[in-house]
């Protein structure tokens, strides 16, 4: 069953968040192997909601170490937390 991680991130500045998104595009496949989909939503000038979908919980959990390192290695991240769970409905028109 598909599994999702919803991450909320607050950056130190809008410019740093822009740079962080660009860096994410480069490292996404390496740090988050198996990821099927990512949707980033700017919820404010310095904040971002990111929805990532994986094929299953095991694949999602296998990326947690890389995620932790990615967040900790970037000084632009002021705060970050996430929720996870099984995808109960997924439809794209």
PDB file of N, CA and C in Angstrom:
ATOM      1  N   UNK A   1       0.837  -1.176   0.000  1.00  0.00           N
ATOM      2  CA  UNK A   1       0.000   0.000   0.000  1.00  0.00           C
ATOM      3  C   UNK A   1       0.884   1.243   0.000  1.00  0.00           C
ATOM      4  N   UNK A   2       0.531   2.245  -0.797  1.00  0.00           N
ATOM      5  CA  UNK A   2       1.290   3.492  -0.857  1.00  0.00           C
ATOM      6  C   UNK A   2       1.363   4.130   0.525  1.00  0.00           C
ATOM      7  N   UNK A   3       2.477   4.808   0.772  1.00  0.00           N
ATOM      8  CA  UNK A   3       2.745   5.401   2.075  1.00  0.00           C
ATOM      9  C   UNK A   3       3.241   6.827   1.856  1.00  0.00           C
ATOM     10  N   UNK A   4       2.773   7.765   2.669  1.00  0.00           N
ATOM     11  CA  UNK A   4       3.114   9.173   2.461  1.00  0.00           C
ATOM     12  C   UNK A   4       3.826   9.768   3.663  1.00  0.00           C
ATOM     13  N   UNK A   5       4.665  10.748   3.354  1.00  0.00           N
ATOM     14  CA  UNK A   5       5.299  11.561   4.390  1.00  0.00           C
ATOM     15  C   UNK A   5       4.970  13.017   4.060  1.00  0.00           C
ATOM     16  N   UNK A   6       4.392  13.709   5.031  1.00  0.00           N
ATOM     17  CA  UNK A   6       4.065  15.118   4.875  1.00  0.00           C
ATOM     18  C   UNK A   6       5.005  15.889   5.783  1.00  0.00           C
ATOM     19  N   UNK A   7       5.863  16.708   5.189  1.00  0.00           N
ATOM     20  CA  UNK A   7       6.876  17.440   5.936  1.00  0.00           C
ATOM     21  C   UNK A   7       6.564  18.929   5.929  1.00  0.00           C
ATOM     22  N   UNK A   8       6.664  19.534   7.094  1.00  0.00           N
ATOM     23  CA  UNK A   8       6.552  20.987   7.222  1.00  0.00           C
ATOM     24  C   UNK A   8       7.942  21.525   7.519  1.00  0.00           C
ATOM     25  N   UNK A   9       8.355  22.530   6.756  1.00  0.00           N
ATOM     26  CA  UNK A   9       9.671  23.123   6.941  1.00  0.00           C
ATOM     27  C   UNK A   9       9.549  24.633   7.026  1.00  0.00           C
ATOM     28  N   UNK A  10      10.246  25.212   7.989  1.00  0.00           N
ATOM     29  CA  UNK A  10      10.363  26.665   8.071  1.00  0.00           C
ATOM     30  C   UNK A  10      11.833  27.003   7.868  1.00  0.00           C
ATOM     31  N   UNK A  11      12.095  27.942   6.966  1.00  0.00           N
ATOM     32  CA  UNK A  11      13.460  28.333   6.641  1.00  0.00           C
ATOM     33  C   UNK A  11      13.814  29.656   7.311  1.00  0.00           C
ATOM     34  N   UNK A  12      15.097  29.964   7.304  1.00  0.00           N
ATOM     35  CA  UNK A  12      15.567  31.213   7.892  1.00  0.00           C
ATOM     36  C   UNK A  12      15.207  32.418   7.034  1.00  0.00           C
ATOM     37  N   UNK A  13      15.023  32.213   5.717  1.00  0.00           N
ATOM     38  CA  UNK A  13      14.628  33.302   4.821  1.00  0.00           C
ATOM     39  C   UNK A  13      13.994  32.707   3.567  1.00  0.00           C
ATOM     40  N   UNK A  14      13.275  33.529   2.838  1.00  0.00           N
ATOM     41  CA  UNK A  14      12.656  33.080   1.587  1.00  0.00           C
ATOM     42  C   UNK A  14      13.722  32.680   0.570  1.00  0.00           C
ATOM     43  N   UNK A  15      14.809  33.427   0.530  1.00  0.00           N
ATOM     44  CA  UNK A  15      15.889  33.129  -0.415  1.00  0.00           C
ATOM     45  C   UNK A  15      16.542  31.790  -0.095  1.00  0.00           C
ATOM     46  N   UNK A  16      16.728  31.520   1.180  1.00  0.00           N
ATOM     47  CA  UNK A  16      17.313  30.242   1.586  1.00  0.00           C
ATOM     48  C   UNK A  16      16.373  29.084   1.258  1.00  0.00           C
ATOM     49  N   UNK A  17      15.082  29.304   1.395  1.00  0.00           N
ATOM     50  CA  UNK A  17      14.121  28.259   1.044  1.00  0.00           C
ATOM     51  C   UNK A  17      14.148  27.996  -0.458  1.00  0.00           C
ATOM     52  N   UNK A  18      14.271  29.050  -1.261  1.00  0.00           N
ATOM     53  CA  UNK A  18      14.414  28.888  -2.714  1.00  0.00           C
ATOM     54  C   UNK A  18      15.626  28.016  -3.032  1.00  0.00           C
ATOM     55  N   UNK A  19      16.754  28.335  -2.409  1.00  0.00           N
ATOM     56  CA  UNK A  19      17.987  27.579  -2.637  1.00  0.00           C
ATOM     57  C   UNK A  19      17.841  26.137  -2.161  1.00  0.00           C
ATOM     58  N   UNK A  20      17.153  25.944  -1.047  1.00  0.00           N
ATOM     59  CA  UNK A  20      16.930  24.594  -0.533  1.00  0.00           C
ATOM     60  C   UNK A  20      16.100  23.749  -1.476  1.00  0.00           C
ATOM     61  N   UNK A  21      15.082  24.345  -2.089  1.00  0.00           N
ATOM     62  CA  UNK A  21      14.266  23.604  -3.057  1.00  0.00           C
ATOM     63  C   UNK A  21      15.087  23.215  -4.281  1.00  0.00           C
ATOM     64  N   UNK A  22      15.943  24.116  -4.727  1.00  0.00           N
ATOM     65  CA  UNK A  22      16.800  23.800  -5.874  1.00  0.00           C
ATOM     66  C   UNK A  22      17.756  22.659  -5.528  1.00  0.00           C
ATOM     67  N   UNK A  23      18.316  22.680  -4.335  1.00  0.00           N
ATOM     68  CA  UNK A  23      19.212  21.603  -3.899  1.00  0.00           C
ATOM     69  C   UNK A  23      18.463  20.281  -3.808  1.00  0.00           C
ATOM     70  N   UNK A  24      17.224  20.323  -3.328  1.00  0.00           N
ATOM     71  CA  UNK A  24      16.407  19.112  -3.214  1.00  0.00           C
ATOM     72  C   UNK A  24      16.216  18.451  -4.574  1.00  0.00           C
ATOM     73  N   UNK A  25      15.995  19.254  -5.600  1.00  0.00           N
ATOM     74  CA  UNK A  25      15.798  18.704  -6.948  1.00  0.00           C
ATOM     75  C   UNK A  25      17.018  17.900  -7.395  1.00  0.00           C
ATOM     76  N   UNK A  26      18.183  18.306  -6.946  1.00  0.00           N
ATOM     77  CA  UNK A  26      19.428  17.634  -7.338  1.00  0.00           C
ATOM     78  C   UNK A  26      19.637  16.339  -6.552  1.00  0.00           C
ATOM     79  N   UNK A  27      19.339  16.345  -5.257  1.00  0.00           N
ATOM     80  CA  UNK A  27      19.643  15.181  -4.400  1.00  0.00           C
ATOM     81  C   UNK A  27      18.470  14.228  -4.219  1.00  0.00           C
ATOM     82  N   UNK A  28      17.298  14.579  -4.725  1.00  0.00           N
ATOM     83  CA  UNK A  28      16.063  13.825  -4.460  1.00  0.00           C
ATOM     84  C   UNK A  28      16.207  12.328  -4.718  1.00  0.00           C
ATOM     85  N   UNK A  29      16.648  11.952  -5.890  1.00  0.00           N
ATOM     86  CA  UNK A  29      16.715  10.532  -6.256  1.00  0.00           C
ATOM     87  C   UNK A  29      17.732   9.766  -5.413  1.00  0.00           C
ATOM     88  N   UNK A  30      18.839  10.424  -5.078  1.00  0.00           N
ATOM     89  CA  UNK A  30      19.885   9.752  -4.306  1.00  0.00           C
ATOM     90  C   UNK A  30      19.497   9.589  -2.833  1.00  0.00           C
ATOM     91  N   UNK A  31      18.955  10.636  -2.237  1.00  0.00           N
ATOM     92  CA  UNK A  31      18.640  10.622  -0.809  1.00  0.00           C
ATOM     93  C   UNK A  31      17.324   9.910  -0.516  1.00  0.00           C
ATOM     94  N   UNK A  32      16.408   9.926  -1.489  1.00  0.00           N
ATOM     95  CA  UNK A  32      15.083   9.329  -1.293  1.00  0.00           C
ATOM     96  C   UNK A  32      14.796   8.266  -2.359  1.00  0.00           C
ATOM     97  N   UNK A  33      15.596   7.195  -2.394  1.00  0.00           N
ATOM     98  CA  UNK A  33      15.382   6.169  -3.420  1.00  0.00           C
ATOM     99  C   UNK A  33      14.005   5.520  -3.284  1.00  0.00           C
ATOM    100  N   UNK A  34      13.365   5.299  -4.411  1.00  0.00           N
ATOM    101  CA  UNK A  34      12.056   4.665  -4.418  1.00  0.00           C
ATOM    102  C   UNK A  34      10.897   5.635  -4.333  1.00  0.00           C
ATOM    103  N   UNK A  35      11.185   6.911  -4.101  1.00  0.00           N
ATOM    104  CA  UNK A  35      10.120   7.906  -3.991  1.00  0.00           C
ATOM    105  C   UNK A  35       9.355   7.971  -5.313  1.00  0.00           C
ATOM    106  N   UNK A  36       8.043   8.035  -5.227  1.00  0.00           N
ATOM    107  CA  UNK A  36       7.207   8.029  -6.427  1.00  0.00           C
ATOM    108  C   UNK A  36       6.701   9.411  -6.817  1.00  0.00           C
ATOM    109  N   UNK A  37       6.530  10.279  -5.835  1.00  0.00           N
ATOM    110  CA  UNK A  37       5.930  11.571  -6.122  1.00  0.00           C
ATOM    111  C   UNK A  37       6.307  12.560  -5.027  1.00  0.00           C
ATOM    112  N   UNK A  38       6.510  13.807  -5.416  1.00  0.00           N
ATOM    113  CA  UNK A  38       6.718  14.890  -4.458  1.00  0.00           C
ATOM    114  C   UNK A  38       5.917  16.095  -4.920  1.00  0.00           C
ATOM    115  N   UNK A  39       5.174  16.681  -4.006  1.00  0.00           N
ATOM    116  CA  UNK A  39       4.488  17.947  -4.267  1.00  0.00           C
ATOM    117  C   UNK A  39       4.899  18.903  -3.157  1.00  0.00           C
ATOM    118  N   UNK A  40       5.508  20.027  -3.527  1.00  0.00           N
ATOM    119  CA  UNK A  40       5.870  21.055  -2.565  1.00  0.00           C
ATOM    120  C   UNK A  40       4.894  22.212  -2.682  1.00  0.00           C
ATOM    121  N   UNK A  41       4.420  22.697  -1.542  1.00  0.00           N
ATOM    122  CA  UNK A  41       3.473  23.810  -1.498  1.00  0.00           C
ATOM    123  C   UNK A  41       4.060  24.891  -0.597  1.00  0.00           C
ATOM    124  N   UNK A  42       4.240  26.086  -1.142  1.00  0.00           N
ATOM    125  CA  UNK A  42       4.705  27.213  -0.333  1.00  0.00           C
ATOM    126  C   UNK A  42       3.536  27.704   0.507  1.00  0.00           C
ATOM    127  N   UNK A  43       3.627  27.500   1.802  1.00  0.00           N
ATOM    128  CA  UNK A  43       2.556  27.925   2.699  1.00  0.00           C
ATOM    129  C   UNK A  43       2.802  29.322   3.254  1.00  0.00           C
ATOM    130  N   UNK A  44       3.947  29.879   2.939  1.00  0.00           N
ATOM    131  CA  UNK A  44       4.321  31.228   3.340  1.00  0.00           C
ATOM    132  C   UNK A  44       5.658  31.554   2.714  1.00  0.00           C
ATOM    133  N   UNK A  45       6.139  32.782   2.849  1.00  0.00           N
ATOM    134  CA  UNK A  45       7.410  33.161   2.222  1.00  0.00           C
ATOM    135  C   UNK A  45       8.588  32.294   2.661  1.00  0.00           C
ATOM    136  N   UNK A  46       8.558  31.840   3.922  1.00  0.00           N
ATOM    137  CA  UNK A  46       9.664  31.044   4.456  1.00  0.00           C
ATOM    138  C   UNK A  46       9.243  29.643   4.865  1.00  0.00           C
ATOM    139  N   UNK A  47       8.042  29.210   4.453  1.00  0.00           N
ATOM    140  CA  UNK A  47       7.567  27.889   4.886  1.00  0.00           C
ATOM    141  C   UNK A  47       7.083  27.053   3.706  1.00  0.00           C
ATOM    142  N   UNK A  48       7.196  25.746   3.895  1.00  0.00           N
ATOM    143  CA  UNK A  48       6.917  24.800   2.824  1.00  0.00           C
ATOM    144  C   UNK A  48       6.262  23.550   3.396  1.00  0.00           C
ATOM    145  N   UNK A  49       5.252  23.052   2.712  1.00  0.00           N
ATOM    146  CA  UNK A  49       4.665  21.750   3.000  1.00  0.00           C
ATOM    147  C   UNK A  49       5.067  20.844   1.842  1.00  0.00           C
ATOM    148  N   UNK A  50       5.641  19.704   2.149  1.00  0.00           N
ATOM    149  CA  UNK A  50       6.071  18.764   1.119  1.00  0.00           C
ATOM    150  C   UNK A  50       5.367  17.428   1.323  1.00  0.00           C
ATOM    151  N   UNK A  51       4.690  16.961   0.290  1.00  0.00           N
ATOM    152  CA  UNK A  51       4.009  15.666   0.307  1.00  0.00           C
ATOM    153  C   UNK A  51       4.802  14.710  -0.570  1.00  0.00           C
ATOM    154  N   UNK A  52       5.309  13.653   0.027  1.00  0.00           N
ATOM    155  CA  UNK A  52       6.073  12.643  -0.707  1.00  0.00           C
ATOM    156  C   UNK A  52       5.369  11.304  -0.585  1.00  0.00           C
ATOM    157  N   UNK A  53       5.294  10.585  -1.694  1.00  0.00           N
ATOM    158  CA  UNK A  53       4.624   9.284  -1.704  1.00  0.00           C
ATOM    159  C   UNK A  53       5.622   8.202  -2.102  1.00  0.00           C
ATOM    160  N   UNK A  54       5.568   7.105  -1.370  1.00  0.00           N
ATOM    161  CA  UNK A  54       6.425   5.942  -1.588  1.00  0.00           C
ATOM    162  C   UNK A  54       5.544   4.732  -1.872  1.00  0.00           C
ATOM    163  N   UNK A  55       6.100   3.684  -2.471  1.00  0.00           N
ATOM    164  CA  UNK A  55       5.277   2.512  -2.771  1.00  0.00           C
ATOM    165  C   UNK A  55       4.779   1.781  -1.528  1.00  0.00           C
ATOM    166  N   UNK A  56       5.541   1.891  -0.412  1.00  0.00           N
ATOM    167  CA  UNK A  56       5.158   1.195   0.819  1.00  0.00           C
ATOM    168  C   UNK A  56       5.905   1.804   2.005  1.00  0.00           C
ATOM    169  N   UNK A  57       5.522   1.394   3.191  1.00  0.00           N
ATOM    170  CA  UNK A  57       6.112   1.930   4.413  1.00  0.00           C
ATOM    171  C   UNK A  57       7.603   1.604   4.512  1.00  0.00           C
ATOM    172  N   UNK A  58       7.989   0.418   4.110  1.00  0.00           N
ATOM    173  CA  UNK A  58       9.390   0.013   4.204  1.00  0.00           C
ATOM    174  C   UNK A  58      10.282   0.924   3.367  1.00  0.00           C
ATOM    175  N   UNK A  59       9.844   1.257   2.164  1.00  0.00           N
ATOM    176  CA  UNK A  59      10.624   2.144   1.297  1.00  0.00           C
ATOM    177  C   UNK A  59      10.739   3.525   1.932  1.00  0.00           C
ATOM    178  N   UNK A  60       9.641   4.026   2.487  1.00  0.00           N
ATOM    179  CA  UNK A  60       9.658   5.337   3.145  1.00  0.00           C
ATOM    180  C   UNK A  60      10.616   5.333   4.333  1.00  0.00           C
ATOM    181  N   UNK A  61      10.542   4.304   5.152  1.00  0.00           N
ATOM    182  CA  UNK A  61      11.394   4.234   6.340  1.00  0.00           C
ATOM    183  C   UNK A  61      12.870   4.125   5.978  1.00  0.00           C
ATOM    184  N   UNK A  62      13.166   3.503   4.854  1.00  0.00           N
ATOM    185  CA  UNK A  62      14.557   3.354   4.427  1.00  0.00           C
ATOM    186  C   UNK A  62      15.196   4.698   4.076  1.00  0.00           C
ATOM    187  N   UNK A  63      14.391   5.733   3.873  1.00  0.00           N
ATOM    188  CA  UNK A  63      14.927   7.054   3.514  1.00  0.00           C
ATOM    189  C   UNK A  63      15.107   7.970   4.722  1.00  0.00           C
ATOM    190  N   UNK A  64      14.709   7.533   5.902  1.00  0.00           N
ATOM    191  CA  UNK A  64      14.743   8.420   7.068  1.00  0.00           C
ATOM    192  C   UNK A  64      16.154   8.871   7.450  1.00  0.00           C
ATOM    193  N   UNK A  65      17.122   7.999   7.343  1.00  0.00           N
ATOM    194  CA  UNK A  65      18.499   8.380   7.680  1.00  0.00           C
ATOM    195  C   UNK A  65      18.993   9.486   6.748  1.00  0.00           C
ATOM    196  N   UNK A  66      18.765   9.317   5.452  1.00  0.00           N
ATOM    197  CA  UNK A  66      19.155  10.347   4.488  1.00  0.00           C
ATOM    198  C   UNK A  66      18.403  11.642   4.706  1.00  0.00           C
ATOM    199  N   UNK A  67      17.116  11.537   5.032  1.00  0.00           N
ATOM    200  CA  UNK A  67      16.307  12.732   5.301  1.00  0.00           C
ATOM    201  C   UNK A  67      16.874  13.493   6.491  1.00  0.00           C
ATOM    202  N   UNK A  68      17.181  12.761   7.563  1.00  0.00           N
ATOM    203  CA  UNK A  68      17.721  13.384   8.771  1.00  0.00           C
ATOM    204  C   UNK A  68      19.014  14.134   8.460  1.00  0.00           C
ATOM    205  N   UNK A  69      19.897  13.500   7.717  1.00  0.00           N
ATOM    206  CA  UNK A  69      21.167  14.127   7.353  1.00  0.00           C
ATOM    207  C   UNK A  69      20.927  15.354   6.484  1.00  0.00           C
ATOM    208  N   UNK A  70      20.028  15.252   5.518  1.00  0.00           N
ATOM    209  CA  UNK A  70      19.724  16.381   4.629  1.00  0.00           C
ATOM    210  C   UNK A  70      19.205  17.572   5.435  1.00  0.00           C
ATOM    211  N   UNK A  71      18.333  17.342   6.382  1.00  0.00           N
ATOM    212  CA  UNK A  71      17.771  18.428   7.198  1.00  0.00           C
ATOM    213  C   UNK A  71      18.844  19.004   8.125  1.00  0.00           C
ATOM    214  N   UNK A  72      19.606  18.143   8.781  1.00  0.00           N
ATOM    215  CA  UNK A  72      20.608  18.608   9.739  1.00  0.00           C
ATOM    216  C   UNK A  72      21.775  19.321   9.070  1.00  0.00           C
ATOM    217  N   UNK A  73      22.100  18.953   7.837  1.00  0.00           N
ATOM    218  CA  UNK A  73      23.233  19.553   7.135  1.00  0.00           C
ATOM    219  C   UNK A  73      22.911  20.908   6.514  1.00  0.00           C
ATOM    220  N   UNK A  74      21.672  21.317   6.545  1.00  0.00           N
ATOM    221  CA  UNK A  74      21.284  22.576   5.914  1.00  0.00           C
ATOM    222  C   UNK A  74      20.915  23.604   6.972  1.00  0.00           C
ATOM    223  N   UNK A  75      21.753  24.622   7.070  1.00  0.00           N
ATOM    224  CA  UNK A  75      21.552  25.651   8.090  1.00  0.00           C
ATOM    225  C   UNK A  75      20.317  26.504   7.833  1.00  0.00           C
ATOM    226  N   UNK A  76      19.808  26.473   6.608  1.00  0.00           N
ATOM    227  CA  UNK A  76      18.622  27.277   6.304  1.00  0.00           C
ATOM    228  C   UNK A  76      17.366  26.726   6.984  1.00  0.00           C
ATOM    229  N   UNK A  77      17.398  25.471   7.428  1.00  0.00           N
ATOM    230  CA  UNK A  77      16.226  24.869   8.068  1.00  0.00           C
ATOM    231  C   UNK A  77      16.134  25.372   9.511  1.00  0.00           C
ATOM    232  N   UNK A  78      15.122  26.192   9.758  1.00  0.00           N
ATOM    233  CA  UNK A  78      14.883  26.715  11.106  1.00  0.00           C
ATOM    234  C   UNK A  78      14.112  25.699  11.938  1.00  0.00           C
ATOM    235  N   UNK A  79      13.126  25.038  11.292  1.00  0.00           N
ATOM    236  CA  UNK A  79      12.316  24.028  11.968  1.00  0.00           C
ATOM    237  C   UNK A  79      11.767  23.072  10.920  1.00  0.00           C
ATOM    238  N   UNK A  80      11.646  21.811  11.285  1.00  0.00           N
ATOM    239  CA  UNK A  80      11.090  20.817  10.366  1.00  0.00           C
ATOM    240  C   UNK A  80      10.504  19.662  11.174  1.00  0.00           C
ATOM    241  N   UNK A  81       9.322  19.233  10.766  1.00  0.00           N
ATOM    242  CA  UNK A  81       8.710  18.051  11.369  1.00  0.00           C
ATOM    243  C   UNK A  81       7.880  17.366  10.295  1.00  0.00           C
ATOM    244  N   UNK A  82       7.503  16.108  10.551  1.00  0.00           N
ATOM    245  CA  UNK A  82       6.744  15.382   9.537  1.00  0.00           C
ATOM    246  C   UNK A  82       5.725  14.450  10.172  1.00  0.00           C
ATOM    247  N   UNK A  83       4.748  14.098   9.349  1.00  0.00           N
ATOM    248  CA  UNK A  83       3.753  13.079   9.659  1.00  0.00           C
ATOM    249  C   UNK A  83       3.864  12.011   8.587  1.00  0.00           C
ATOM    250  N   UNK A  84       3.505  10.785   8.927  1.00  0.00           N
ATOM    251  CA  UNK A  84       3.516   9.692   7.954  1.00  0.00           C
ATOM    252  C   UNK A  84       2.268   8.846   8.110  1.00  0.00           C
ATOM    253  N   UNK A  85       1.911   8.166   7.033  1.00  0.00           N
ATOM    254  CA  UNK A  85       0.797   7.237   7.125  1.00  0.00           C
ATOM    255  C   UNK A  85       0.461   6.620   5.786  1.00  0.00           C
ATOM    256  N   UNK A  86      -0.383   5.597   5.835  1.00  0.00           N
ATOM    257  CA  UNK A  86      -0.829   4.917   4.620  1.00  0.00           C
ATOM    258  C   UNK A  86      -1.716   5.854   3.808  1.00  0.00           C
ATOM    259  N   UNK A  87      -1.545   5.815   2.508  1.00  0.00           N
ATOM    260  CA  UNK A  87      -2.385   6.610   1.612  1.00  0.00           C
ATOM    261  C   UNK A  87      -3.723   5.891   1.488  1.00  0.00           C
ATOM    262  N   UNK A  88      -4.793   6.547   1.887  1.00  0.00           N
ATOM    263  CA  UNK A  88      -6.112   5.910   1.850  1.00  0.00           C
ATOM    264  C   UNK A  88      -6.893   6.247   0.585  1.00  0.00           C
ATOM    265  N   UNK A  89      -6.486   7.314  -0.117  1.00  0.00           N
ATOM    266  CA  UNK A  89      -7.139   7.674  -1.377  1.00  0.00           C
ATOM    267  C   UNK A  89      -6.152   8.469  -2.208  1.00  0.00           C
ATOM    268  N   UNK A  90      -6.053   8.107  -3.504  1.00  0.00           N
ATOM    269  CA  UNK A  90      -5.127   8.793  -4.398  1.00  0.00           C
ATOM    270  C   UNK A  90      -5.744   8.775  -5.779  1.00  0.00           C
ATOM    271  N   UNK A  91      -6.076   9.955  -6.291  1.00  0.00           N
ATOM    272  CA  UNK A  91      -6.672  10.061  -7.620  1.00  0.00           C
ATOM    273  C   UNK A  91      -6.161  11.329  -8.273  1.00  0.00           C
ATOM    274  N   UNK A  92      -5.697  11.215  -9.477  1.00  0.00           N
ATOM    275  CA  UNK A  92      -5.246  12.366 -10.244  1.00  0.00           C
ATOM    276  C   UNK A  92      -6.068  12.417 -11.520  1.00  0.00           C
ATOM    277  N   UNK A  93      -6.708  13.538 -11.764  1.00  0.00           N
ATOM    278  CA  UNK A  93      -7.512  13.703 -12.981  1.00  0.00           C
ATOM    279  C   UNK A  93      -6.738  14.465 -14.030  1.00  0.00           C
TER     280      UNK A  93
END
